[in-house]
C-alpha cells in the first residue's frame, strides 16, 4: 500500500534548502527518522500522517504536484539505512528555554514541576536535569515560544514549593538537530557535530540526545550558520548512496 502526497516541492530534502541551498533530495527515509525531523521543525510532513503510515505500514510518497518524477518514500526501516550516519538536519527557531536553578534535590520535585506545567497546558520538549550537589539540582526544559507566558506563570507558582533559588528564561534560542538511524552503529557523530559548530564559532548552550538524534541549543542569531556548518560536515548536499560509500 502507498499513499501519495502531492506538494509544491519535489520531495523531502536532507535539510532546509532555503538555508542550505545544496540540500539533496532523499530517495527514502524511515518512519522514525521522519517523525524525529517533523517534531524538530521540518515542515514538509504533518507528524500525525507519518504516525498513521507507520502504524498501518503504508508507504508515503511525497512528490511534486508540478513535475512527473520520483519524490521521497517514507517507509519502514531496512538495514541499508544504517549505512548513512545522518539522514537529515533541521533547525527550530520558535523555542524558549526555562532554567529552574537550585531546586531541592529530592524525590518528587521534578514531578511537581511538570504537573504544574501540564495543568497549564504547556507542551514540554527536551528536559535536562543536573545535580549540582547532594542538596540542589538545576532543572531545564525547552518549550514552544507560544507557551512561554503560561510556562513562566507556572514556574513562578511552583517555585516556592520546590524551593527553587532562581528562574532564568531565554527566548533568543534555536535548536539544531541531526537525525539518522545510522547513529546506532557508528561512532564519532557527536564529535563531528560539535566540531563543526566550534569551527563555525557557534556556542552550544545545552545538548540532548535520543537513539537516533543529537540536538544542540544555540543562539537564535547563529541558527542558520549552525545549520549550514552541520550540513557541510555531514555532506548533506550528497545522495545517501554517495555518503554510504564513504562510510
C-alpha atoms as a PDB file:
ATOM      1  CA  UNK A   1       0.000   0.000   0.000  1.00  0.00           C
ATOM      2  CA  UNK A   2       1.163   3.518  -0.774  1.00  0.00           C
ATOM      3  CA  UNK A   3      -0.220   6.966  -0.050  1.00  0.00           C
ATOM      4  CA  UNK A   4       0.865   9.723  -2.425  1.00  0.00           C
ATOM      5  CA  UNK A   5       1.123  13.266  -1.107  1.00  0.00           C
ATOM      6  CA  UNK A   6       1.480  15.982  -3.731  1.00  0.00           C
ATOM      7  CA  UNK A   7       3.148  19.216  -2.727  1.00  0.00           C
ATOM      8  CA  UNK A   8       4.987  22.214  -4.181  1.00  0.00           C
ATOM      9  CA  UNK A   9       8.405  20.606  -3.605  1.00  0.00           C
ATOM     10  CA  UNK A  10       9.891  17.576  -5.343  1.00  0.00           C
ATOM     11  CA  UNK A  11      10.330  15.542  -2.154  1.00  0.00           C
ATOM     12  CA  UNK A  12      11.952  15.675   1.274  1.00  0.00           C
ATOM     13  CA  UNK A  13      15.404  17.230   1.452  1.00  0.00           C
ATOM     14  CA  UNK A  14      18.261  16.478   3.818  1.00  0.00           C
ATOM     15  CA  UNK A  15      17.800  19.924   5.356  1.00  0.00           C
ATOM     16  CA  UNK A  16      16.056  23.223   4.674  1.00  0.00           C
ATOM     17  CA  UNK A  17      17.117  24.274   1.145  1.00  0.00           C
ATOM     18  CA  UNK A  18      16.235  27.871   1.944  1.00  0.00           C
ATOM     19  CA  UNK A  19      19.159  27.899   4.394  1.00  0.00           C
ATOM     20  CA  UNK A  20      21.493  25.297   2.845  1.00  0.00           C
ATOM     21  CA  UNK A  21      20.880  25.693  -0.869  1.00  0.00           C
ATOM     22  CA  UNK A  22      22.733  22.493  -1.830  1.00  0.00           C
ATOM     23  CA  UNK A  23      20.484  20.230   0.261  1.00  0.00           C
ATOM     24  CA  UNK A  24      19.949  16.917  -1.525  1.00  0.00           C
ATOM     25  CA  UNK A  25      16.588  15.285  -2.096  1.00  0.00           C
ATOM     26  CA  UNK A  26      16.219  11.975  -0.256  1.00  0.00           C
ATOM     27  CA  UNK A  27      15.038   8.893  -2.141  1.00  0.00           C
ATOM     28  CA  UNK A  28      13.751   7.284   1.044  1.00  0.00           C
ATOM     29  CA  UNK A  29      13.619   7.824   4.790  1.00  0.00           C
ATOM     30  CA  UNK A  30      12.350   5.694   7.666  1.00  0.00           C
ATOM     31  CA  UNK A  31       9.177   6.475   9.587  1.00  0.00           C
ATOM     32  CA  UNK A  32      11.173   7.036  12.789  1.00  0.00           C
ATOM     33  CA  UNK A  33      13.594   9.454  11.138  1.00  0.00           C
ATOM     34  CA  UNK A  34      10.726  11.408   9.592  1.00  0.00           C
ATOM     35  CA  UNK A  35       8.902  11.547  12.928  1.00  0.00           C
ATOM     36  CA  UNK A  36      12.010  12.977  14.587  1.00  0.00           C
ATOM     37  CA  UNK A  37      12.574  15.551  11.830  1.00  0.00           C
ATOM     38  CA  UNK A  38       8.907  16.594  11.824  1.00  0.00           C
ATOM     39  CA  UNK A  39       8.869  17.038  15.603  1.00  0.00           C
ATOM     40  CA  UNK A  40      12.037  19.142  15.336  1.00  0.00           C
ATOM     41  CA  UNK A  41      10.750  21.671  12.841  1.00  0.00           C
ATOM     42  CA  UNK A  42      10.804  20.039   9.396  1.00  0.00           C
ATOM     43  CA  UNK A  43       7.531  21.359   7.992  1.00  0.00           C
ATOM     44  CA  UNK A  44       7.212  19.217   4.871  1.00  0.00           C
ATOM     45  CA  UNK A  45       5.239  16.430   6.614  1.00  0.00           C
ATOM     46  CA  UNK A  46       2.490  16.587   9.223  1.00  0.00           C
ATOM     47  CA  UNK A  47       3.595  14.349  12.094  1.00  0.00           C
ATOM     48  CA  UNK A  48       0.219  12.609  12.511  1.00  0.00           C
ATOM     49  CA  UNK A  49       0.286  11.487   8.877  1.00  0.00           C
ATOM     50  CA  UNK A  50       3.658   9.808   9.458  1.00  0.00           C
ATOM     51  CA  UNK A  51       2.370   8.149  12.632  1.00  0.00           C
ATOM     52  CA  UNK A  52      -0.587   6.645  10.752  1.00  0.00           C
ATOM     53  CA  UNK A  53       1.686   5.473   7.951  1.00  0.00           C
ATOM     54  CA  UNK A  54       3.930   3.704  10.446  1.00  0.00           C
ATOM     55  CA  UNK A  55       1.035   2.198  12.403  1.00  0.00           C
ATOM     56  CA  UNK A  56      -0.591   0.658   9.324  1.00  0.00           C
ATOM     57  CA  UNK A  57       2.659   0.083   7.366  1.00  0.00           C
ATOM     58  CA  UNK A  58       1.572   2.323   4.490  1.00  0.00           C
ATOM     59  CA  UNK A  59       4.393   3.823   2.444  1.00  0.00           C
ATOM     60  CA  UNK A  60       4.101   7.585   1.986  1.00  0.00           C
ATOM     61  CA  UNK A  61       5.316   9.027  -1.307  1.00  0.00           C
ATOM     62  CA  UNK A  62       5.968  12.778  -1.076  1.00  0.00           C
ATOM     63  CA  UNK A  63       6.242  14.162  -4.596  1.00  0.00           C
ATOM     64  CA  UNK A  64       5.788  17.227  -6.764  1.00  0.00           C
ATOM     65  CA  UNK A  65       2.360  18.271  -7.989  1.00  0.00           C
ATOM     66  CA  UNK A  66       4.045  20.053 -10.907  1.00  0.00           C
ATOM     67  CA  UNK A  67       6.589  17.571 -12.270  1.00  0.00           C
ATOM     68  CA  UNK A  68       6.191  13.869 -13.073  1.00  0.00           C
ATOM     69  CA  UNK A  69       9.172  12.406 -11.256  1.00  0.00           C
ATOM     70  CA  UNK A  70      10.045  10.286  -8.256  1.00  0.00           C
ATOM     71  CA  UNK A  71       9.823  12.013  -4.890  1.00  0.00           C
ATOM     72  CA  UNK A  72      10.736  10.660  -1.443  1.00  0.00           C
ATOM     73  CA  UNK A  73       9.389   7.423   0.039  1.00  0.00           C
ATOM     74  CA  UNK A  74       8.735   7.278   3.794  1.00  0.00           C
ATOM     75  CA  UNK A  75       8.785   3.617   4.739  1.00  0.00           C
ATOM     76  CA  UNK A  76       9.756   1.036   7.347  1.00  0.00           C
ATOM     77  CA  UNK A  77      13.405   0.799   8.274  1.00  0.00           C
ATOM     78  CA  UNK A  78      15.668  -1.518   6.281  1.00  0.00           C
ATOM     79  CA  UNK A  79      19.267  -2.497   7.214  1.00  0.00           C
ATOM     80  CA  UNK A  80      20.834  -0.398   4.428  1.00  0.00           C
ATOM     81  CA  UNK A  81      19.515   2.778   6.063  1.00  0.00           C
ATOM     82  CA  UNK A  82      22.074   2.379   8.853  1.00  0.00           C
ATOM     83  CA  UNK A  83      24.870   2.772   6.294  1.00  0.00           C
ATOM     84  CA  UNK A  84      24.130   6.507   6.314  1.00  0.00           C
ATOM     85  CA  UNK A  85      25.058   8.084   9.645  1.00  0.00           C
ATOM     86  CA  UNK A  86      22.914  11.217   9.366  1.00  0.00           C
ATOM     87  CA  UNK A  87      19.863  11.342   7.124  1.00  0.00           C
ATOM     88  CA  UNK A  88      18.906  14.936   7.777  1.00  0.00           C
ATOM     89  CA  UNK A  89      19.350  18.078   9.844  1.00  0.00           C
ATOM     90  CA  UNK A  90      16.834  20.631  10.989  1.00  0.00           C
ATOM     91  CA  UNK A  91      16.510  23.904  12.875  1.00  0.00           C
ATOM     92  CA  UNK A  92      13.710  25.010  15.166  1.00  0.00           C
ATOM     93  CA  UNK A  93      13.652  28.726  15.927  1.00  0.00           C
ATOM     94  CA  UNK A  94      10.331  29.253  17.721  1.00  0.00           C
ATOM     95  CA  UNK A  95      11.702  27.950  21.028  1.00  0.00           C
ATOM     96  CA  UNK A  96      12.292  29.152  24.576  1.00  0.00           C
ATOM     97  CA  UNK A  97      14.250  27.665  27.457  1.00  0.00           C
ATOM     98  CA  UNK A  98      13.459  27.846  31.165  1.00  0.00           C
ATOM     99  CA  UNK A  99      16.069  27.032  33.820  1.00  0.00           C
ATOM    100  CA  UNK A 100      14.962  26.339  37.381  1.00  0.00           C
ATOM    101  CA  UNK A 101      18.166  26.848  39.339  1.00  0.00           C
ATOM    102  CA  UNK A 102      18.807  25.432  42.795  1.00  0.00           C
ATOM    103  CA  UNK A 103      15.765  23.186  43.138  1.00  0.00           C
ATOM    104  CA  UNK A 104      15.792  20.947  46.221  1.00  0.00           C
ATOM    105  CA  UNK A 105      17.332  17.648  45.110  1.00  0.00           C
ATOM    106  CA  UNK A 106      14.772  15.213  46.457  1.00  0.00           C
ATOM    107  CA  UNK A 107      12.258  12.730  45.037  1.00  0.00           C
ATOM    108  CA  UNK A 108       9.024  14.185  43.713  1.00  0.00           C
ATOM    109  CA  UNK A 109      10.126  17.725  42.892  1.00  0.00           C
ATOM    110  CA  UNK A 110      10.501  17.125  39.160  1.00  0.00           C
ATOM    111  CA  UNK A 111       7.038  15.555  39.144  1.00  0.00           C
ATOM    112  CA  UNK A 112       5.602  18.628  40.884  1.00  0.00           C
ATOM    113  CA  UNK A 113       7.182  20.977  38.335  1.00  0.00           C
ATOM    114  CA  UNK A 114       5.894  19.108  35.303  1.00  0.00           C
ATOM    115  CA  UNK A 115       2.466  18.517  36.841  1.00  0.00           C
ATOM    116  CA  UNK A 116       2.171  22.282  37.217  1.00  0.00           C
ATOM    117  CA  UNK A 117       3.216  22.779  33.585  1.00  0.00           C
ATOM    118  CA  UNK A 118       0.761  20.107  32.435  1.00  0.00           C
ATOM    119  CA  UNK A 119      -2.077  21.795  34.315  1.00  0.00           C
ATOM    120  CA  UNK A 120      -1.163  24.991  32.468  1.00  0.00           C
ATOM    121  CA  UNK A 121      -1.394  23.016  29.184  1.00  0.00           C
ATOM    122  CA  UNK A 122       2.268  23.660  28.369  1.00  0.00           C
ATOM    123  CA  UNK A 123       3.842  21.174  25.953  1.00  0.00           C
ATOM    124  CA  UNK A 124       7.394  20.432  27.091  1.00  0.00           C
ATOM    125  CA  UNK A 125      10.080  19.318  24.663  1.00  0.00           C
ATOM    126  CA  UNK A 126      13.593  18.413  25.825  1.00  0.00           C
ATOM    127  CA  UNK A 127      14.241  18.106  29.574  1.00  0.00           C
ATOM    128  CA  UNK A 128      17.637  18.350  31.278  1.00  0.00           C
ATOM    129  CA  UNK A 129      18.397  17.871  34.980  1.00  0.00           C
ATOM    130  CA  UNK A 130      21.816  18.404  36.537  1.00  0.00           C
ATOM    131  CA  UNK A 131      22.731  17.584  40.114  1.00  0.00           C
ATOM    132  CA  UNK A 132      24.907  20.402  41.461  1.00  0.00           C
ATOM    133  CA  UNK A 133      25.212  18.983  44.980  1.00  0.00           C
ATOM    134  CA  UNK A 134      23.617  16.382  47.213  1.00  0.00           C
ATOM    135  CA  UNK A 135      21.049  19.026  48.162  1.00  0.00           C
ATOM    136  CA  UNK A 136      20.438  21.016  44.974  1.00  0.00           C
ATOM    137  CA  UNK A 137      19.769  20.400  41.274  1.00  0.00           C
ATOM    138  CA  UNK A 138      19.107  22.511  38.182  1.00  0.00           C
ATOM    139  CA  UNK A 139      16.098  21.617  36.041  1.00  0.00           C
ATOM    140  CA  UNK A 140      15.847  22.946  32.476  1.00  0.00           C
ATOM    141  CA  UNK A 141      13.362  22.395  29.669  1.00  0.00           C
ATOM    142  CA  UNK A 142      12.507  23.648  26.194  1.00  0.00           C
ATOM    143  CA  UNK A 143       9.070  24.828  25.129  1.00  0.00           C
ATOM    144  CA  UNK A 144       7.479  26.446  22.115  1.00  0.00           C
ATOM    145  CA  UNK A 145       7.622  30.230  22.224  1.00  0.00           C
ATOM    146  CA  UNK A 146       3.806  30.353  22.141  1.00  0.00           C
ATOM    147  CA  UNK A 147       3.722  28.599  25.541  1.00  0.00           C
ATOM    148  CA  UNK A 148       6.264  30.903  27.187  1.00  0.00           C
ATOM    149  CA  UNK A 149       3.814  33.120  29.058  1.00  0.00           C
ATOM    150  CA  UNK A 150       1.893  30.171  30.528  1.00  0.00           C
ATOM    151  CA  UNK A 151       5.127  28.326  31.367  1.00  0.00           C
ATOM    152  CA  UNK A 152       6.591  31.362  33.109  1.00  0.00           C
ATOM    153  CA  UNK A 153       3.482  31.741  35.267  1.00  0.00           C
ATOM    154  CA  UNK A 154       3.524  28.024  36.114  1.00  0.00           C
ATOM    155  CA  UNK A 155       7.206  28.166  37.075  1.00  0.00           C
ATOM    156  CA  UNK A 156       6.555  31.124  39.372  1.00  0.00           C
ATOM    157  CA  UNK A 157       3.678  29.251  41.042  1.00  0.00           C
ATOM    158  CA  UNK A 158       5.748  26.137  41.767  1.00  0.00           C
ATOM    159  CA  UNK A 159       8.983  27.971  42.646  1.00  0.00           C
ATOM    160  CA  UNK A 160       8.500  28.125  46.428  1.00  0.00           C
ATOM    161  CA  UNK A 161       7.105  24.596  46.703  1.00  0.00           C
ATOM    162  CA  UNK A 162      10.315  23.080  45.279  1.00  0.00           C
ATOM    163  CA  UNK A 163      12.497  25.711  46.988  1.00  0.00           C
ATOM    164  CA  UNK A 164      13.866  26.995  43.672  1.00  0.00           C
ATOM    165  CA  UNK A 165      16.529  29.679  44.112  1.00  0.00           C
ATOM    166  CA  UNK A 166      16.115  31.371  40.732  1.00  0.00           C
ATOM    167  CA  UNK A 167      14.401  31.157  37.351  1.00  0.00           C
ATOM    168  CA  UNK A 168      16.169  32.054  34.111  1.00  0.00           C
ATOM    169  CA  UNK A 169      14.323  32.395  30.814  1.00  0.00           C
ATOM    170  CA  UNK A 170      15.763  32.575  27.303  1.00  0.00           C
ATOM    171  CA  UNK A 171      13.639  33.381  24.271  1.00  0.00           C
ATOM    172  CA  UNK A 172      16.592  34.042  21.947  1.00  0.00           C
ATOM    173  CA  UNK A 173      17.471  30.409  21.207  1.00  0.00           C
ATOM    174  CA  UNK A 174      17.165  27.871  18.422  1.00  0.00           C
ATOM    175  CA  UNK A 175      17.631  24.106  18.365  1.00  0.00           C
ATOM    176  CA  UNK A 176      19.848  22.458  15.755  1.00  0.00           C
ATOM    177  CA  UNK A 177      19.380  18.698  15.326  1.00  0.00           C
ATOM    178  CA  UNK A 178      20.830  15.879  13.255  1.00  0.00           C
ATOM    179  CA  UNK A 179      18.837  12.681  12.779  1.00  0.00           C
ATOM    180  CA  UNK A 180      19.756   9.250  11.452  1.00  0.00           C
ATOM    181  CA  UNK A 181      19.251   5.584  12.274  1.00  0.00           C
ATOM    182  CA  UNK A 182      22.934   5.100  11.415  1.00  0.00           C
ATOM    183  CA  UNK A 183      23.859   6.675  14.754  1.00  0.00           C
ATOM    184  CA  UNK A 184      23.064   3.339  16.385  1.00  0.00           C
ATOM    185  CA  UNK A 185      26.020   1.636  14.709  1.00  0.00           C
ATOM    186  CA  UNK A 186      28.504   4.459  14.020  1.00  0.00           C
ATOM    187  CA  UNK A 187      30.739   6.306  16.448  1.00  0.00           C
ATOM    188  CA  UNK A 188      32.048   9.877  16.289  1.00  0.00           C
ATOM    189  CA  UNK A 189      28.749  11.528  15.331  1.00  0.00           C
ATOM    190  CA  UNK A 190      28.665  13.864  18.334  1.00  0.00           C
ATOM    191  CA  UNK A 191      32.334  14.777  17.868  1.00  0.00           C
ATOM    192  CA  UNK A 192      31.729  15.697  14.224  1.00  0.00           C
ATOM    193  CA  UNK A 193      28.676  17.808  15.028  1.00  0.00           C
ATOM    194  CA  UNK A 194      30.273  19.645  17.944  1.00  0.00           C
ATOM    195  CA  UNK A 195      33.472  20.146  15.956  1.00  0.00           C
ATOM    196  CA  UNK A 196      31.556  21.683  13.052  1.00  0.00           C
ATOM    197  CA  UNK A 197      29.789  24.093  15.397  1.00  0.00           C
ATOM    198  CA  UNK A 198      33.058  25.006  17.113  1.00  0.00           C
ATOM    199  CA  UNK A 199      34.743  25.699  13.777  1.00  0.00           C
ATOM    200  CA  UNK A 200      31.823  27.963  12.849  1.00  0.00           C
ATOM    201  CA  UNK A 201      32.261  29.700  16.235  1.00  0.00           C
ATOM    202  CA  UNK A 202      28.778  28.700  17.374  1.00  0.00           C
ATOM    203  CA  UNK A 203      28.497  28.236  21.126  1.00  0.00           C
ATOM    204  CA  UNK A 204      26.368  25.370  22.470  1.00  0.00           C
ATOM    205  CA  UNK A 205      24.043  26.179  25.356  1.00  0.00           C
ATOM    206  CA  UNK A 206      22.827  22.631  26.026  1.00  0.00           C
ATOM    207  CA  UNK A 207      22.721  19.187  24.420  1.00  0.00           C
ATOM    208  CA  UNK A 208      20.084  16.456  24.334  1.00  0.00           C
ATOM    209  CA  UNK A 209      20.081  13.120  22.546  1.00  0.00           C
ATOM    210  CA  UNK A 210      17.979  10.123  21.649  1.00  0.00           C
ATOM    211  CA  UNK A 211      18.948   6.864  19.971  1.00  0.00           C
ATOM    212  CA  UNK A 212      18.799   8.477  16.522  1.00  0.00           C
ATOM    213  CA  UNK A 213      19.104  12.200  17.289  1.00  0.00           C
ATOM    214  CA  UNK A 214      21.523  14.803  18.647  1.00  0.00           C
ATOM    215  CA  UNK A 215      20.182  18.294  19.376  1.00  0.00           C
ATOM    216  CA  UNK A 216      22.033  21.447  20.419  1.00  0.00           C
ATOM    217  CA  UNK A 217      20.560  24.684  21.704  1.00  0.00           C
ATOM    218  CA  UNK A 218      22.328  27.711  20.212  1.00  0.00           C
ATOM    219  CA  UNK A 219      21.754  31.448  19.952  1.00  0.00           C
ATOM    220  CA  UNK A 220      18.945  32.194  17.515  1.00  0.00           C
ATOM    221  CA  UNK A 221      21.067  34.706  15.589  1.00  0.00           C
ATOM    222  CA  UNK A 222      23.550  31.893  14.859  1.00  0.00           C
ATOM    223  CA  UNK A 223      20.948  29.298  13.872  1.00  0.00           C
ATOM    224  CA  UNK A 224      21.321  29.498  10.088  1.00  0.00           C
ATOM    225  CA  UNK A 225      25.113  29.490  10.308  1.00  0.00           C
ATOM    226  CA  UNK A 226      24.957  26.480  12.631  1.00  0.00           C
ATOM    227  CA  UNK A 227      22.670  24.527  10.297  1.00  0.00           C
ATOM    228  CA  UNK A 228      24.922  25.215   7.311  1.00  0.00           C
ATOM    229  CA  UNK A 229      28.010  24.130   9.268  1.00  0.00           C
ATOM    230  CA  UNK A 230      26.396  20.850  10.318  1.00  0.00           C
ATOM    231  CA  UNK A 231      25.076  20.237   6.797  1.00  0.00           C
ATOM    232  CA  UNK A 232      28.561  20.631   5.327  1.00  0.00           C
ATOM    233  CA  UNK A 233      30.111  18.386   7.994  1.00  0.00           C
ATOM    234  CA  UNK A 234      27.697  15.536   7.239  1.00  0.00           C
ATOM    235  CA  UNK A 235      27.756  16.171   3.462  1.00  0.00           C
ATOM    236  CA  UNK A 236      24.025  16.714   3.197  1.00  0.00           C
ATOM    237  CA  UNK A 237      24.494  18.006  -0.333  1.00  0.00           C
ATOM    238  CA  UNK A 238      25.192  14.415  -1.451  1.00  0.00           C
ATOM    239  CA  UNK A 239      22.898  11.455  -2.006  1.00  0.00           C
ATOM    240  CA  UNK A 240      22.568   8.693   0.578  1.00  0.00           C
ATOM    241  CA  UNK A 241      24.408   6.309  -1.757  1.00  0.00           C
ATOM    242  CA  UNK A 242      27.400   8.650  -2.020  1.00  0.00           C
ATOM    243  CA  UNK A 243      27.596   9.138   1.729  1.00  0.00           C
ATOM    244  CA  UNK A 244      27.137   5.429   2.471  1.00  0.00           C
ATOM    245  CA  UNK A 245      30.058   4.529   0.186  1.00  0.00           C
ATOM    246  CA  UNK A 246      32.361   6.817   2.154  1.00  0.00           C
ATOM    247  CA  UNK A 247      31.328   5.236   5.451  1.00  0.00           C
END
